Amino acid sequence: MEARKIVFKSIGQAIEELDRLGSGNSRMMASRAIHINVLLKQIPAPEARFLKTAYNDIGAEAAISHQAYHEEEGAVTDMVIMGTVYQHREVRRILAGNHKIRHLVEAIESVIEASPELVENE
């Protein structure tokens, strides 16, 4: 028996390694193996809390300021959104119909989809 850390630098690398194991669903699983952090700047506290809750509900995380978290009047915060590619896409799917934060979801999506980690063929 052996245990060691494994790091996937891209979806393609994750697919390759999962295929090597004989996994029948490596493409789906690969999106769960890649973690991407996204920085959002100057987000009004109510939107930040809403987005944080959406990420927390699916097991991901979002860091916001103490002031935004405690609903201080007029608080604006930077955010770090932390999740796997799958989790980011799942939040996008869940919030697709929410017009109030569509701009935030689209901003996160643009960062995720432009990430070099999404390269399948290296």
PDB file of N, CA and C in Angstrom:
ATOM      1  N   MET A   1       0.850  -1.167   0.000  1.00  0.00           N
ATOM      2  CA  MET A   1       0.000   0.000   0.000  1.00  0.00           C
ATOM      3  C   MET A   1       0.895   1.229   0.000  1.00  0.00           C
ATOM      4  N   GLU A   2       0.473   2.221  -0.767  1.00  0.00           N
ATOM      5  CA  GLU A   2       1.212   3.478  -0.844  1.00  0.00           C
ATOM      6  C   GLU A   2       0.204   4.617  -0.846  1.00  0.00           C
ATOM      7  N   ALA A   3       0.555   5.693  -0.196  1.00  0.00           N
ATOM      8  CA  ALA A   3      -0.270   6.906  -0.222  1.00  0.00           C
ATOM      9  C   ALA A   3       0.646   8.086  -0.484  1.00  0.00           C
ATOM     10  N   ARG A   4       0.237   8.956  -1.403  1.00  0.00           N
ATOM     11  CA  ARG A   4       1.009  10.160  -1.682  1.00  0.00           C
ATOM     12  C   ARG A   4       0.098  11.220  -2.271  1.00  0.00           C
ATOM     13  N   LYS A   5       0.526  12.434  -2.197  1.00  0.00           N
ATOM     14  CA  LYS A   5      -0.215  13.554  -2.767  1.00  0.00           C
ATOM     15  C   LYS A   5      -0.082  13.515  -4.287  1.00  0.00           C
ATOM     16  N   ILE A   6      -1.182  13.847  -4.968  1.00  0.00           N
ATOM     17  CA  ILE A   6      -1.145  13.951  -6.421  1.00  0.00           C
ATOM     18  C   ILE A   6      -1.739  15.304  -6.803  1.00  0.00           C
ATOM     19  N   VAL A   7      -1.078  15.986  -7.700  1.00  0.00           N
ATOM     20  CA  VAL A   7      -1.515  17.308  -8.139  1.00  0.00           C
ATOM     21  C   VAL A   7      -1.809  17.246  -9.626  1.00  0.00           C
ATOM     22  N   PHE A   8      -2.983  17.710 -10.002  1.00  0.00           N
ATOM     23  CA  PHE A   8      -3.352  17.813 -11.408  1.00  0.00           C
ATOM     24  C   PHE A   8      -3.256  19.273 -11.809  1.00  0.00           C
ATOM     25  N   LYS A   9      -2.459  19.556 -12.817  1.00  0.00           N
ATOM     26  CA  LYS A   9      -2.296  20.933 -13.273  1.00  0.00           C
ATOM     27  C   LYS A   9      -3.324  21.316 -14.323  1.00  0.00           C
ATOM     28  N   SER A  10      -4.052  20.326 -14.830  1.00  0.00           N
ATOM     29  CA  SER A  10      -5.063  20.613 -15.845  1.00  0.00           C
ATOM     30  C   SER A  10      -6.117  19.514 -15.867  1.00  0.00           C
ATOM     31  N   ILE A  11      -7.243  19.840 -16.484  1.00  0.00           N
ATOM     32  CA  ILE A  11      -8.300  18.851 -16.694  1.00  0.00           C
ATOM     33  C   ILE A  11      -7.747  17.678 -17.506  1.00  0.00           C
ATOM     34  N   GLY A  12      -6.960  17.996 -18.529  1.00  0.00           N
ATOM     35  CA  GLY A  12      -6.389  16.943 -19.368  1.00  0.00           C
ATOM     36  C   GLY A  12      -5.536  15.970 -18.583  1.00  0.00           C
ATOM     37  N   GLN A  13      -4.711  16.502 -17.706  1.00  0.00           N
ATOM     38  CA  GLN A  13      -3.863  15.643 -16.881  1.00  0.00           C
ATOM     39  C   GLN A  13      -4.716  14.793 -15.940  1.00  0.00           C
ATOM     40  N   ALA A  14      -5.766  15.383 -15.377  1.00  0.00           N
ATOM     41  CA  ALA A  14      -6.654  14.630 -14.484  1.00  0.00           C
ATOM     42  C   ALA A  14      -7.360  13.512 -15.248  1.00  0.00           C
ATOM     43  N   ILE A  15      -7.857  13.815 -16.444  1.00  0.00           N
ATOM     44  CA  ILE A  15      -8.518  12.792 -17.263  1.00  0.00           C
ATOM     45  C   ILE A  15      -7.559  11.643 -17.548  1.00  0.00           C
ATOM     46  N   GLU A  16      -6.342  11.989 -17.932  1.00  0.00           N
ATOM     47  CA  GLU A  16      -5.338  10.972 -18.252  1.00  0.00           C
ATOM     48  C   GLU A  16      -5.070  10.054 -17.052  1.00  0.00           C
ATOM     49  N   GLU A  17      -4.890  10.647 -15.890  1.00  0.00           N
ATOM     50  CA  GLU A  17      -4.587   9.852 -14.698  1.00  0.00           C
ATOM     51  C   GLU A  17      -5.790   9.009 -14.276  1.00  0.00           C
ATOM     52  N   LEU A  18      -6.985   9.572 -14.354  1.00  0.00           N
ATOM     53  CA  LEU A  18      -8.186   8.822 -13.986  1.00  0.00           C
ATOM     54  C   LEU A  18      -8.454   7.697 -14.982  1.00  0.00           C
ATOM     55  N   ASP A  19      -8.192   7.958 -16.269  1.00  0.00           N
ATOM     56  CA  ASP A  19      -8.309   6.891 -17.273  1.00  0.00           C
ATOM     57  C   ASP A  19      -7.333   5.756 -16.975  1.00  0.00           C
ATOM     58  N   ARG A  20      -6.138   6.125 -16.540  1.00  0.00           N
ATOM     59  CA  ARG A  20      -5.118   5.124 -16.219  1.00  0.00           C
ATOM     60  C   ARG A  20      -5.608   4.186 -15.105  1.00  0.00           C
ATOM     61  N   LEU A  21      -6.428   4.709 -14.199  1.00  0.00           N
ATOM     62  CA  LEU A  21      -6.994   3.885 -13.126  1.00  0.00           C
ATOM     63  C   LEU A  21      -8.071   2.939 -13.628  1.00  0.00           C
ATOM     64  N   GLY A  22      -8.610   3.255 -14.828  1.00  0.00           N
ATOM     65  CA  GLY A  22      -9.704   2.462 -15.360  1.00  0.00           C
ATOM     66  C   GLY A  22     -11.064   3.049 -15.043  1.00  0.00           C
ATOM     67  N   SER A  23     -11.085   4.317 -14.642  1.00  0.00           N
ATOM     68  CA  SER A  23     -12.348   4.982 -14.329  1.00  0.00           C
ATOM     69  C   SER A  23     -13.185   5.117 -15.595  1.00  0.00           C
ATOM     70  N   GLY A  24     -14.454   4.822 -15.474  1.00  0.00           N
ATOM     71  CA  GLY A  24     -15.345   4.931 -16.624  1.00  0.00           C
ATOM     72  C   GLY A  24     -15.931   6.312 -16.812  1.00  0.00           C
ATOM     73  N   ASN A  25     -15.702   7.200 -15.876  1.00  0.00           N
ATOM     74  CA  ASN A  25     -16.286   8.544 -15.973  1.00  0.00           C
ATOM     75  C   ASN A  25     -15.243   9.615 -15.663  1.00  0.00           C
ATOM     76  N   SER A  26     -14.067   9.463 -16.227  1.00  0.00           N
ATOM     77  CA  SER A  26     -12.954  10.356 -15.892  1.00  0.00           C
ATOM     78  C   SER A  26     -13.193  11.801 -16.307  1.00  0.00           C
ATOM     79  N   ARG A  27     -13.906  12.050 -17.401  1.00  0.00           N
ATOM     80  CA  ARG A  27     -14.169  13.438 -17.816  1.00  0.00           C
ATOM     81  C   ARG A  27     -14.999  14.173 -16.762  1.00  0.00           C
ATOM     82  N   MET A  28     -16.029  13.527 -16.256  1.00  0.00           N
ATOM     83  CA  MET A  28     -16.859  14.154 -15.232  1.00  0.00           C
ATOM     84  C   MET A  28     -16.061  14.340 -13.938  1.00  0.00           C
ATOM     85  N   MET A  29     -15.321  13.330 -13.563  1.00  0.00           N
ATOM     86  CA  MET A  29     -14.577  13.394 -12.308  1.00  0.00           C
ATOM     87  C   MET A  29     -13.438  14.406 -12.362  1.00  0.00           C
ATOM     88  N   ALA A  30     -12.868  14.621 -13.528  1.00  0.00           N
ATOM     89  CA  ALA A  30     -11.745  15.553 -13.663  1.00  0.00           C
ATOM     90  C   ALA A  30     -12.130  16.971 -13.254  1.00  0.00           C
ATOM     91  N   SER A  31     -13.366  17.373 -13.517  1.00  0.00           N
ATOM     92  CA  SER A  31     -13.792  18.727 -13.129  1.00  0.00           C
ATOM     93  C   SER A  31     -13.890  18.883 -11.618  1.00  0.00           C
ATOM     94  N   ARG A  32     -13.900  17.771 -10.919  1.00  0.00           N
ATOM     95  CA  ARG A  32     -13.904  17.799  -9.453  1.00  0.00           C
ATOM     96  C   ARG A  32     -12.485  17.760  -8.882  1.00  0.00           C
ATOM     97  N   ALA A  33     -11.510  17.503  -9.735  1.00  0.00           N
ATOM     98  CA  ALA A  33     -10.120  17.368  -9.288  1.00  0.00           C
ATOM     99  C   ALA A  33      -9.329  18.667  -9.404  1.00  0.00           C
ATOM    100  N   ILE A  34      -9.894  19.651 -10.087  1.00  0.00           N
ATOM    101  CA  ILE A  34      -9.195  20.915 -10.320  1.00  0.00           C
ATOM    102  C   ILE A  34      -9.844  22.006  -9.478  1.00  0.00           C
ATOM    103  N   HIS A  35      -9.059  22.629  -8.615  1.00  0.00           N
ATOM    104  CA  HIS A  35      -9.526  23.691  -7.722  1.00  0.00           C
ATOM    105  C   HIS A  35      -9.055  25.042  -8.257  1.00  0.00           C
ATOM    106  N   ILE A  36      -9.979  26.002  -8.346  1.00  0.00           N
ATOM    107  CA  ILE A  36      -9.636  27.338  -8.835  1.00  0.00           C
ATOM    108  C   ILE A  36     -10.193  28.379  -7.869  1.00  0.00           C
ATOM    109  N   ASN A  37      -9.349  29.336  -7.491  1.00  0.00           N
ATOM    110  CA  ASN A  37      -9.759  30.467  -6.659  1.00  0.00           C
ATOM    111  C   ASN A  37      -9.985  31.676  -7.558  1.00  0.00           C
ATOM    112  N   VAL A  38     -11.028  32.448  -7.257  1.00  0.00           N
ATOM    113  CA  VAL A  38     -11.362  33.636  -8.047  1.00  0.00           C
ATOM    114  C   VAL A  38     -11.472  34.829  -7.107  1.00  0.00           C
ATOM    115  N   LEU A  39     -10.827  35.928  -7.465  1.00  0.00           N
ATOM    116  CA  LEU A  39     -10.911  37.170  -6.696  1.00  0.00           C
ATOM    117  C   LEU A  39     -11.925  38.094  -7.350  1.00  0.00           C
ATOM    118  N   LEU A  40     -12.913  38.531  -6.579  1.00  0.00           N
ATOM    119  CA  LEU A  40     -13.872  39.551  -7.008  1.00  0.00           C
ATOM    120  C   LEU A  40     -13.619  40.791  -6.167  1.00  0.00           C
ATOM    121  N   LYS A  41     -13.633  41.958  -6.780  1.00  0.00           N
ATOM    122  CA  LYS A  41     -13.322  43.204  -6.076  1.00  0.00           C
ATOM    123  C   LYS A  41     -14.576  44.069  -5.943  1.00  0.00           C
ATOM    124  N   GLN A  42     -14.670  44.733  -4.792  1.00  0.00           N
ATOM    125  CA  GLN A  42     -15.679  45.765  -4.547  1.00  0.00           C
ATOM    126  C   GLN A  42     -17.120  45.273  -4.772  1.00  0.00           C
ATOM    127  N   ILE A  43     -17.497  44.260  -4.036  1.00  0.00           N
ATOM    128  CA  ILE A  43     -18.831  43.672  -4.143  1.00  0.00           C
ATOM    129  C   ILE A  43     -19.682  44.171  -2.977  1.00  0.00           C
ATOM    130  N   PRO A  44     -20.875  44.714  -3.252  1.00  0.00           N
ATOM    131  CA  PRO A  44     -21.762  45.128  -2.159  1.00  0.00           C
ATOM    132  C   PRO A  44     -22.060  43.938  -1.236  1.00  0.00           C
ATOM    133  N   ALA A  45     -22.105  44.212   0.048  1.00  0.00           N
ATOM    134  CA  ALA A  45     -22.251  43.153   1.049  1.00  0.00           C
ATOM    135  C   ALA A  45     -23.444  42.226   0.822  1.00  0.00           C
ATOM    136  N   PRO A  46     -24.639  42.736   0.493  1.00  0.00           N
ATOM    137  CA  PRO A  46     -25.756  41.797   0.300  1.00  0.00           C
ATOM    138  C   PRO A  46     -25.493  40.783  -0.820  1.00  0.00           C
ATOM    139  N   GLU A  47     -24.900  41.238  -1.918  1.00  0.00           N
ATOM    140  CA  GLU A  47     -24.576  40.331  -3.017  1.00  0.00           C
ATOM    141  C   GLU A  47     -23.477  39.355  -2.597  1.00  0.00           C
ATOM    142  N   ALA A  48     -22.498  39.848  -1.860  1.00  0.00           N
ATOM    143  CA  ALA A  48     -21.399  38.993  -1.394  1.00  0.00           C
ATOM    144  C   ALA A  48     -21.924  37.890  -0.475  1.00  0.00           C
ATOM    145  N   ARG A  49     -22.797  38.241   0.448  1.00  0.00           N
ATOM    146  CA  ARG A  49     -23.357  37.240   1.365  1.00  0.00           C
ATOM    147  C   ARG A  49     -24.188  36.212   0.602  1.00  0.00           C
ATOM    148  N   PHE A  50     -24.978  36.681  -0.367  1.00  0.00           N
ATOM    149  CA  PHE A  50     -25.803  35.771  -1.163  1.00  0.00           C
ATOM    150  C   PHE A  50     -24.928  34.773  -1.919  1.00  0.00           C
ATOM    151  N   LEU A  51     -23.886  35.286  -2.561  1.00  0.00           N
ATOM    152  CA  LEU A  51     -22.983  34.425  -3.322  1.00  0.00           C
ATOM    153  C   LEU A  51     -22.232  33.466  -2.396  1.00  0.00           C
ATOM    154  N   LYS A  52     -21.805  33.960  -1.239  1.00  0.00           N
ATOM    155  CA  LYS A  52     -21.128  33.109  -0.251  1.00  0.00           C
ATOM    156  C   LYS A  52     -22.042  31.958   0.160  1.00  0.00           C
ATOM    157  N   THR A  53     -23.294  32.247   0.414  1.00  0.00           N
ATOM    158  CA  THR A  53     -24.256  31.219   0.805  1.00  0.00           C
ATOM    159  C   THR A  53     -24.421  30.175  -0.296  1.00  0.00           C
ATOM    160  N   ALA A  54     -24.512  30.629  -1.544  1.00  0.00           N
ATOM    161  CA  ALA A  54     -24.662  29.691  -2.666  1.00  0.00           C
ATOM    162  C   ALA A  54     -23.471  28.744  -2.739  1.00  0.00           C
ATOM    163  N   TYR A  55     -22.281  29.281  -2.575  1.00  0.00           N
ATOM    164  CA  TYR A  55     -21.086  28.432  -2.603  1.00  0.00           C
ATOM    165  C   TYR A  55     -21.038  27.503  -1.391  1.00  0.00           C
ATOM    166  N   ASN A  56     -21.361  28.017  -0.217  1.00  0.00           N
ATOM    167  CA  ASN A  56     -21.356  27.178   0.987  1.00  0.00           C
ATOM    168  C   ASN A  56     -22.365  26.039   0.869  1.00  0.00           C
ATOM    169  N   ASP A  57     -23.516  26.312   0.254  1.00  0.00           N
ATOM    170  CA  ASP A  57     -24.561  25.298   0.124  1.00  0.00           C
ATOM    171  C   ASP A  57     -24.122  24.075  -0.678  1.00  0.00           C
ATOM    172  N   ILE A  58     -23.150  24.245  -1.567  1.00  0.00           N
ATOM    173  CA  ILE A  58     -22.691  23.102  -2.366  1.00  0.00           C
ATOM    174  C   ILE A  58     -21.334  22.578  -1.894  1.00  0.00           C
ATOM    175  N   GLY A  59     -20.868  23.063  -0.753  1.00  0.00           N
ATOM    176  CA  GLY A  59     -19.627  22.557  -0.183  1.00  0.00           C
ATOM    177  C   GLY A  59     -18.380  23.297  -0.599  1.00  0.00           C
ATOM    178  N   ALA A  60     -18.538  24.438  -1.251  1.00  0.00           N
ATOM    179  CA  ALA A  60     -17.393  25.275  -1.616  1.00  0.00           C
ATOM    180  C   ALA A  60     -17.302  26.405  -0.590  1.00  0.00           C
ATOM    181  N   GLU A  61     -16.498  27.418  -0.865  1.00  0.00           N
ATOM    182  CA  GLU A  61     -16.302  28.485   0.114  1.00  0.00           C
ATOM    183  C   GLU A  61     -16.118  29.814  -0.584  1.00  0.00           C
ATOM    184  N   ALA A  62     -16.439  30.867   0.140  1.00  0.00           N
ATOM    185  CA  ALA A  62     -16.191  32.234  -0.314  1.00  0.00           C
ATOM    186  C   ALA A  62     -15.820  33.059   0.911  1.00  0.00           C
ATOM    187  N   ALA A  63     -14.690  33.729   0.828  1.00  0.00           N
ATOM    188  CA  ALA A  63     -14.238  34.587   1.925  1.00  0.00           C
ATOM    189  C   ALA A  63     -14.663  36.021   1.638  1.00  0.00           C
ATOM    190  N   ILE A  64     -15.271  36.650   2.638  1.00  0.00           N
ATOM    191  CA  ILE A  64     -15.676  38.051   2.538  1.00  0.00           C
ATOM    192  C   ILE A  64     -15.215  38.769   3.805  1.00  0.00           C
ATOM    193  N   SER A  65     -15.323  40.093   3.796  1.00  0.00           N
ATOM    194  CA  SER A  65     -14.873  40.863   4.958  1.00  0.00           C
ATOM    195  C   SER A  65     -15.794  40.649   6.159  1.00  0.00           C
ATOM    196  N   HIS A  66     -15.241  40.916   7.318  1.00  0.00           N
ATOM    197  CA  HIS A  66     -15.994  40.849   8.571  1.00  0.00           C
ATOM    198  C   HIS A  66     -17.207  41.789   8.509  1.00  0.00           C
ATOM    199  N   GLN A  67     -17.001  42.982   7.963  1.00  0.00           N
ATOM    200  CA  GLN A  67     -18.074  43.974   7.876  1.00  0.00           C
ATOM    201  C   GLN A  67     -19.217  43.475   6.990  1.00  0.00           C
ATOM    202  N   ALA A  68     -18.873  42.881   5.862  1.00  0.00           N
ATOM    203  CA  ALA A  68     -19.906  42.360   4.960  1.00  0.00           C
ATOM    204  C   ALA A  68     -20.635  41.186   5.600  1.00  0.00           C
ATOM    205  N   TYR A  69     -19.891  40.315   6.248  1.00  0.00           N
ATOM    206  CA  TYR A  69     -20.483  39.142   6.876  1.00  0.00           C
ATOM    207  C   TYR A  69     -21.486  39.539   7.954  1.00  0.00           C
ATOM    208  N   HIS A  70     -21.150  40.581   8.720  1.00  0.00           N
ATOM    209  CA  HIS A  70     -22.014  41.018   9.819  1.00  0.00           C
ATOM    210  C   HIS A  70     -22.990  42.113   9.409  1.00  0.00           C
ATOM    211  N   GLU A  71     -23.177  42.269   8.095  1.00  0.00           N
ATOM    212  CA  GLU A  71     -24.207  43.135   7.530  1.00  0.00           C
ATOM    213  C   GLU A  71     -24.096  44.585   7.966  1.00  0.00           C
ATOM    214  N   GLU A  72     -22.870  45.100   8.074  1.00  0.00           N
ATOM    215  CA  GLU A  72     -22.699  46.510   8.413  1.00  0.00           C
ATOM    216  C   GLU A  72     -23.211  47.373   7.265  1.00  0.00           C
ATOM    217  N   GLU A  73     -23.905  48.424   7.609  1.00  0.00           N
ATOM    218  CA  GLU A  73     -24.518  49.333   6.635  1.00  0.00           C
ATOM    219  C   GLU A  73     -23.490  49.837   5.627  1.00  0.00           C
ATOM    220  N   GLY A  74     -23.801  49.686   4.349  1.00  0.00           N
ATOM    221  CA  GLY A  74     -22.956  50.213   3.284  1.00  0.00           C
ATOM    222  C   GLY A  74     -21.672  49.449   3.029  1.00  0.00           C
ATOM    223  N   ALA A  75     -21.512  48.292   3.638  1.00  0.00           N
ATOM    224  CA  ALA A  75     -20.265  47.532   3.473  1.00  0.00           C
ATOM    225  C   ALA A  75     -20.097  47.059   2.029  1.00  0.00           C
ATOM    226  N   VAL A  76     -18.880  47.180   1.568  1.00  0.00           N
ATOM    227  CA  VAL A  76     -18.458  46.674   0.263  1.00  0.00           C
ATOM    228  C   VAL A  76     -17.218  45.831   0.533  1.00  0.00           C
ATOM    229  N   THR A  77     -17.096  44.710  -0.147  1.00  0.00           N
ATOM    230  CA  THR A  77     -16.007  43.781   0.160  1.00  0.00           C
ATOM    231  C   THR A  77     -15.382  43.186  -1.088  1.00  0.00           C
ATOM    232  N   ASP A  78     -14.133  42.831  -0.975  1.00  0.00           N
ATOM    233  CA  ASP A  78     -13.519  41.957  -1.959  1.00  0.00           C
ATOM    234  C   ASP A  78     -13.858  40.536  -1.520  1.00  0.00           C
ATOM    235  N   MET A  79     -13.848  39.610  -2.454  1.00  0.00           N
ATOM    236  CA  MET A  79     -14.181  38.217  -2.155  1.00  0.00           C
ATOM    237  C   MET A  79     -13.146  37.298  -2.789  1.00  0.00           C
ATOM    238  N   VAL A  80     -12.894  36.193  -2.128  1.00  0.00           N
ATOM    239  CA  VAL A  80     -12.157  35.102  -2.753  1.00  0.00           C
ATOM    240  C   VAL A  80     -13.119  33.919  -2.802  1.00  0.00           C
ATOM    241  N   ILE A  81     -13.452  33.526  -4.020  1.00  0.00           N
ATOM    242  CA  ILE A  81     -14.353  32.398  -4.254  1.00  0.00           C
ATOM    243  C   ILE A  81     -13.480  31.168  -4.477  1.00  0.00           C
ATOM    244  N   MET A  82     -13.719  30.101  -3.700  1.00  0.00           N
ATOM    245  CA  MET A  82     -12.867  28.910  -3.736  1.00  0.00           C
ATOM    246  C   MET A  82     -13.699  27.675  -4.044  1.00  0.00           C
ATOM    247  N   GLY A  83     -13.328  26.982  -5.108  1.00  0.00           N
ATOM    248  CA  GLY A  83     -14.056  25.765  -5.430  1.00  0.00           C
ATOM    249  C   GLY A  83     -13.445  25.013  -6.588  1.00  0.00           C
ATOM    250  N   THR A  84     -13.958  23.824  -6.795  1.00  0.00           N
ATOM    251  CA  THR A  84     -13.530  23.039  -7.948  1.00  0.00           C
ATOM    252  C   THR A  84     -14.225  23.578  -9.187  1.00  0.00           C
ATOM    253  N   VAL A  85     -13.735  23.180 -10.344  1.00  0.00           N
ATOM    254  CA  VAL A  85     -14.389  23.576 -11.596  1.00  0.00           C
ATOM    255  C   VAL A  85     -15.850  23.139 -11.547  1.00  0.00           C
ATOM    256  N   TYR A  86     -16.090  21.927 -11.096  1.00  0.00           N
ATOM    257  CA  TYR A  86     -17.460  21.426 -10.988  1.00  0.00           C
ATOM    258  C   TYR A  86     -18.312  22.328 -10.090  1.00  0.00           C
ATOM    259  N   GLN A  87     -17.794  22.711  -8.931  1.00  0.00           N
ATOM    260  CA  GLN A  87     -18.567  23.542  -8.006  1.00  0.00           C
ATOM    261  C   GLN A  87     -18.874  24.909  -8.610  1.00  0.00           C
ATOM    262  N   HIS A  88     -17.896  25.518  -9.279  1.00  0.00           N
ATOM    263  CA  HIS A  88     -18.157  26.805  -9.922  1.00  0.00           C
ATOM    264  C   HIS A  88     -19.259  26.667 -10.971  1.00  0.00           C
ATOM    265  N   ARG A  89     -19.203  25.625 -11.754  1.00  0.00           N
ATOM    266  CA  ARG A  89     -20.228  25.407 -12.790  1.00  0.00           C
ATOM    267  C   ARG A  89     -21.580  25.096 -12.173  1.00  0.00           C
ATOM    268  N   GLU A  90     -21.583  24.406 -11.057  1.00  0.00           N
ATOM    269  CA  GLU A  90     -22.841  24.086 -10.372  1.00  0.00           C
ATOM    270  C   GLU A  90     -23.495  25.350  -9.824  1.00  0.00           C
ATOM    271  N   VAL A  91     -22.716  26.243  -9.235  1.00  0.00           N
ATOM    272  CA  VAL A  91     -23.284  27.514  -8.759  1.00  0.00           C
ATOM    273  C   VAL A  91     -23.842  28.303  -9.939  1.00  0.00           C
ATOM    274  N   ARG A  92     -23.127  28.315 -11.047  1.00  0.00           N
ATOM    275  CA  ARG A  92     -23.621  29.003 -12.249  1.00  0.00           C
ATOM    276  C   ARG A  92     -24.970  28.423 -12.665  1.00  0.00           C
ATOM    277  N   ARG A  93     -25.097  27.102 -12.664  1.00  0.00           N
ATOM    278  CA  ARG A  93     -26.357  26.461 -13.041  1.00  0.00           C
ATOM    279  C   ARG A  93     -27.476  26.829 -12.070  1.00  0.00           C
ATOM    280  N   ILE A  94     -27.181  26.769 -10.785  1.00  0.00           N
ATOM    281  CA  ILE A  94     -28.183  27.056  -9.757  1.00  0.00           C
ATOM    282  C   ILE A  94     -28.660  28.503  -9.828  1.00  0.00           C
ATOM    283  N   LEU A  95     -27.753  29.421 -10.088  1.00  0.00           N
ATOM    284  CA  LEU A  95     -28.088  30.851 -10.070  1.00  0.00           C
ATOM    285  C   LEU A  95     -28.392  31.422 -11.454  1.00  0.00           C
ATOM    286  N   ALA A  96     -28.555  30.569 -12.451  1.00  0.00           N
ATOM    287  CA  ALA A  96     -28.751  31.024 -13.831  1.00  0.00           C
ATOM    288  C   ALA A  96     -29.913  32.008 -13.979  1.00  0.00           C
ATOM    289  N   GLY A  97     -30.962  31.827 -13.228  1.00  0.00           N
ATOM    290  CA  GLY A  97     -32.129  32.691 -13.359  1.00  0.00           C
ATOM    291  C   GLY A  97     -32.128  33.910 -12.455  1.00  0.00           C
ATOM    292  N   ASN A  98     -31.078  34.104 -11.677  1.00  0.00           N
ATOM    293  CA  ASN A  98     -31.028  35.222 -10.735  1.00  0.00           C
ATOM    294  C   ASN A  98     -30.400  36.439 -11.416  1.00  0.00           C
ATOM    295  N   HIS A  99     -31.247  37.365 -11.831  1.00  0.00           N
ATOM    296  CA  HIS A  99     -30.783  38.534 -12.585  1.00  0.00           C
ATOM    297  C   HIS A  99     -30.016  39.535 -11.728  1.00  0.00           C
ATOM    298  N   LYS A 100     -30.244  39.544 -10.421  1.00  0.00           N
ATOM    299  CA  LYS A 100     -29.563  40.510  -9.544  1.00  0.00           C
ATOM    300  C   LYS A 100     -28.063  40.263  -9.444  1.00  0.00           C
ATOM    301  N   ILE A 101     -27.658  39.015  -9.525  1.00  0.00           N
ATOM    302  CA  ILE A 101     -26.222  38.731  -9.402  1.00  0.00           C
ATOM    303  C   ILE A 101     -25.641  38.102 -10.668  1.00  0.00           C
ATOM    304  N   ARG A 102     -26.385  38.167 -11.748  1.00  0.00           N
ATOM    305  CA  ARG A 102     -25.915  37.588 -13.010  1.00  0.00           C
ATOM    306  C   ARG A 102     -24.519  38.096 -13.373  1.00  0.00           C
ATOM    307  N   HIS A 103     -24.279  39.402 -13.159  1.00  0.00           N
ATOM    308  CA  HIS A 103     -22.975  39.976 -13.515  1.00  0.00           C
ATOM    309  C   HIS A 103     -21.834  39.327 -12.727  1.00  0.00           C
ATOM    310  N   LEU A 104     -22.088  38.953 -11.485  1.00  0.00           N
ATOM    311  CA  LEU A 104     -21.058  38.287 -10.677  1.00  0.00           C
ATOM    312  C   LEU A 104     -20.820  36.862 -11.162  1.00  0.00           C
ATOM    313  N   VAL A 105     -21.903  36.160 -11.429  1.00  0.00           N
ATOM    314  CA  VAL A 105     -21.798  34.787 -11.918  1.00  0.00           C
ATOM    315  C   VAL A 105     -21.069  34.763 -13.261  1.00  0.00           C
ATOM    316  N   GLU A 106     -21.387  35.720 -14.128  1.00  0.00           N
ATOM    317  CA  GLU A 106     -20.716  35.792 -15.430  1.00  0.00           C
ATOM    318  C   GLU A 106     -19.235  36.140 -15.279  1.00  0.00           C
ATOM    319  N   ALA A 107     -18.907  37.004 -14.323  1.00  0.00           N
ATOM    320  CA  ALA A 107     -17.503  37.353 -14.085  1.00  0.00           C
ATOM    321  C   ALA A 107     -16.718  36.134 -13.603  1.00  0.00           C
ATOM    322  N   ILE A 108     -17.301  35.383 -12.681  1.00  0.00           N
ATOM    323  CA  ILE A 108     -16.649  34.161 -12.193  1.00  0.00           C
ATOM    324  C   ILE A 108     -16.491  33.166 -13.339  1.00  0.00           C
ATOM    325  N   GLU A 109     -17.554  32.989 -14.108  1.00  0.00           N
ATOM    326  CA  GLU A 109     -17.516  32.058 -15.239  1.00  0.00           C
ATOM    327  C   GLU A 109     -16.408  32.416 -16.227  1.00  0.00           C
ATOM    328  N   SER A 110     -16.244  33.704 -16.511  1.00  0.00           N
ATOM    329  CA  SER A 110     -15.217  34.106 -17.480  1.00  0.00           C
ATOM    330  C   SER A 110     -13.812  33.773 -16.976  1.00  0.00           C
ATOM    331  N   VAL A 111     -13.592  33.912 -15.674  1.00  0.00           N
ATOM    332  CA  VAL A 111     -12.288  33.554 -15.106  1.00  0.00           C
ATOM    333  C   VAL A 111     -12.076  32.042 -15.172  1.00  0.00           C
ATOM    334  N   ILE A 112     -13.083  31.287 -14.780  1.00  0.00           N
ATOM    335  CA  ILE A 112     -12.962  29.826 -14.765  1.00  0.00           C
ATOM    336  C   ILE A 112     -12.715  29.294 -16.172  1.00  0.00           C
ATOM    337  N   GLU A 113     -13.540  29.713 -17.114  1.00  0.00           N
ATOM    338  CA  GLU A 113     -13.452  29.160 -18.464  1.00  0.00           C
ATOM    339  C   GLU A 113     -12.185  29.589 -19.196  1.00  0.00           C
ATOM    340  N   ALA A 114     -11.541  30.675 -18.752  1.00  0.00           N
ATOM    341  CA  ALA A 114     -10.283  31.124 -19.362  1.00  0.00           C
ATOM    342  C   ALA A 114      -9.053  30.565 -18.644  1.00  0.00           C
ATOM    343  N   SER A 115      -9.267  29.804 -17.602  1.00  0.00           N
ATOM    344  CA  SER A 115      -8.152  29.282 -16.808  1.00  0.00           C
ATOM    345  C   SER A 115      -7.360  28.236 -17.584  1.00  0.00           C
ATOM    346  N   PRO A 116      -6.041  28.309 -17.494  1.00  0.00           N
ATOM    347  CA  PRO A 116      -5.216  27.318 -18.196  1.00  0.00           C
ATOM    348  C   PRO A 116      -5.438  25.892 -17.688  1.00  0.00           C
ATOM    349  N   GLU A 117      -5.977  25.745 -16.498  1.00  0.00           N
ATOM    350  CA  GLU A 117      -6.249  24.412 -15.950  1.00  0.00           C
ATOM    351  C   GLU A 117      -7.304  23.652 -16.758  1.00  0.00           C
ATOM    352  N   LEU A 118      -8.100  24.363 -17.548  1.00  0.00           N
ATOM    353  CA  LEU A 118      -9.158  23.708 -18.311  1.00  0.00           C
ATOM    354  C   LEU A 118      -8.676  23.082 -19.615  1.00  0.00           C
ATOM    355  N   VAL A 119      -7.412  23.211 -19.911  1.00  0.00           N
ATOM    356  CA  VAL A 119      -6.858  22.613 -21.127  1.00  0.00           C
ATOM    357  C   VAL A 119      -6.955  21.091 -21.028  1.00  0.00           C
ATOM    358  N   GLU A 120      -7.535  20.474 -22.052  1.00  0.00           N
ATOM    359  CA  GLU A 120      -7.665  19.010 -22.039  1.00  0.00           C
ATOM    360  C   GLU A 120      -6.497  18.322 -22.711  1.00  0.00           C
ATOM    361  N   ASN A 121      -5.951  18.931 -23.726  1.00  0.00           N
ATOM    362  CA  ASN A 121      -4.845  18.305 -24.463  1.00  0.00           C
ATOM    363  C   ASN A 121      -3.589  19.125 -24.275  1.00  0.00           C
ATOM    364  N   GLU A 122      -2.597  18.526 -23.655  1.00  0.00           N
ATOM    365  CA  GLU A 122      -1.343  19.243 -23.403  1.00  0.00           C
ATOM    366  C   GLU A 122      -0.257  18.761 -24.325  1.00  0.00           C
TER     367      GLU A 122
END
